[in-house]
Amino acid sequence: MTREEITAQCFVFLLAGFDTTATSLAFVTHLLARNPLVQKNLQEEIDQHCSRDTISYETLKSMRYLDCIVKESLRMYPLANM
């Protein structure tokens, strides 16, 4: 492979990762907009766990409700077909 082909492949992988993440977040946002109670419960969890200005990886891991919302979104709107 030439240097240009390697660069192009790297760009494709970067763009593919960006696109799937953006699509997943769009579906999560859509589900939250359609379910005000879920949105309220998530906001309560965020308020409970994120009292500081910064959010750590450990804080995100401890947010079970957020994890369930993301997993439900991926179940309802899978990014890849099996």
Protein backbone atom coordinates (compact mmCIF):
# COMPACT_ATOMS: atom_id res chain seq x y z
CA MET A 1 0.00 0.00 0.00
CA THR A 2 1.13 3.49 -0.71
CA ARG A 3 1.34 6.14 1.96
CA GLU A 4 -1.74 7.84 0.48
CA GLU A 5 -3.76 4.59 0.62
CA ILE A 6 -2.78 4.04 4.25
CA THR A 7 -3.81 7.61 5.08
CA ALA A 8 -7.13 7.11 3.29
CA GLN A 9 -7.80 3.88 5.21
CA CYS A 10 -7.06 5.61 8.53
CA PHE A 11 -9.50 8.36 7.59
CA VAL A 12 -12.20 5.79 6.75
CA PHE A 13 -11.80 4.10 10.15
CA LEU A 14 -11.88 7.45 11.96
CA LEU A 15 -14.98 8.57 10.10
CA ALA A 16 -16.75 5.24 10.65
CA GLY A 17 -16.16 5.47 14.40
CA PHE A 18 -17.38 9.06 14.50
CA ASP A 19 -20.48 8.32 12.45
CA THR A 20 -21.66 5.37 14.55
CA THR A 21 -21.13 7.27 17.79
CA ALA A 22 -23.07 10.28 16.50
CA THR A 23 -25.90 8.05 15.28
CA SER A 24 -26.10 6.24 18.63
CA LEU A 25 -26.28 9.53 20.52
CA ALA A 26 -28.98 10.80 18.14
CA PHE A 27 -31.12 7.74 18.87
CA VAL A 28 -30.60 8.14 22.64
CA THR A 29 -31.66 11.78 22.36
CA HIS A 30 -34.72 10.75 20.34
CA LEU A 31 -35.77 8.19 22.94
CA LEU A 32 -35.31 10.67 25.77
CA ALA A 33 -37.38 13.28 23.94
CA ARG A 34 -40.21 10.78 23.49
CA ASN A 35 -40.12 9.59 27.13
CA PRO A 36 -40.23 12.50 29.60
CA LEU A 37 -40.32 10.22 32.65
CA VAL A 38 -37.15 8.44 31.53
CA GLN A 39 -35.56 11.82 30.87
CA LYS A 40 -36.53 13.00 34.37
CA ASN A 41 -35.13 9.86 36.00
CA LEU A 42 -31.89 10.19 34.05
CA GLN A 43 -31.57 13.84 35.07
CA GLU A 44 -31.95 12.80 38.71
CA GLU A 45 -29.19 10.21 38.32
CA ILE A 46 -26.93 12.77 36.65
CA ASP A 47 -27.59 15.29 39.43
CA GLN A 48 -26.85 12.64 42.04
CA HIS A 49 -23.57 11.44 40.52
CA CYS A 50 -22.19 14.56 38.87
CA SER A 51 -21.97 17.21 41.55
CA ARG A 52 -18.51 18.33 40.41
CA ASP A 53 -17.53 20.15 37.23
CA THR A 54 -15.67 17.16 35.81
CA ILE A 55 -16.97 13.67 35.16
CA SER A 56 -14.65 10.72 35.54
CA TYR A 57 -14.82 7.34 33.86
CA GLU A 58 -15.62 5.77 37.23
CA THR A 59 -18.57 8.13 37.64
CA LEU A 60 -19.94 7.14 34.23
CA LYS A 61 -19.51 3.45 35.05
CA SER A 62 -21.54 3.89 38.23
CA MET A 63 -24.50 5.41 36.38
CA ARG A 64 -26.63 2.28 35.87
CA TYR A 65 -29.73 4.04 34.54
CA LEU A 66 -27.70 5.78 31.83
CA ASP A 67 -26.17 2.44 30.91
CA CYS A 68 -29.63 0.88 30.59
CA ILE A 69 -30.83 3.74 28.37
CA VAL A 70 -27.87 3.38 26.02
CA LYS A 71 -28.28 -0.39 25.85
CA GLU A 72 -32.01 -0.09 25.19
CA SER A 73 -31.32 2.40 22.41
CA LEU A 74 -28.80 0.01 20.85
CA ARG A 75 -31.33 -2.83 21.16
CA MET A 76 -34.08 -0.82 19.48
CA TYR A 77 -31.86 0.81 16.86
CA PRO A 78 -28.87 -1.47 16.19
CA LEU A 79 -26.05 0.10 14.22
CA ALA A 80 -25.06 -3.14 12.52
CA ASN A 81 -27.23 -5.97 11.29
CA MET A 82 -26.41 -9.51 12.26
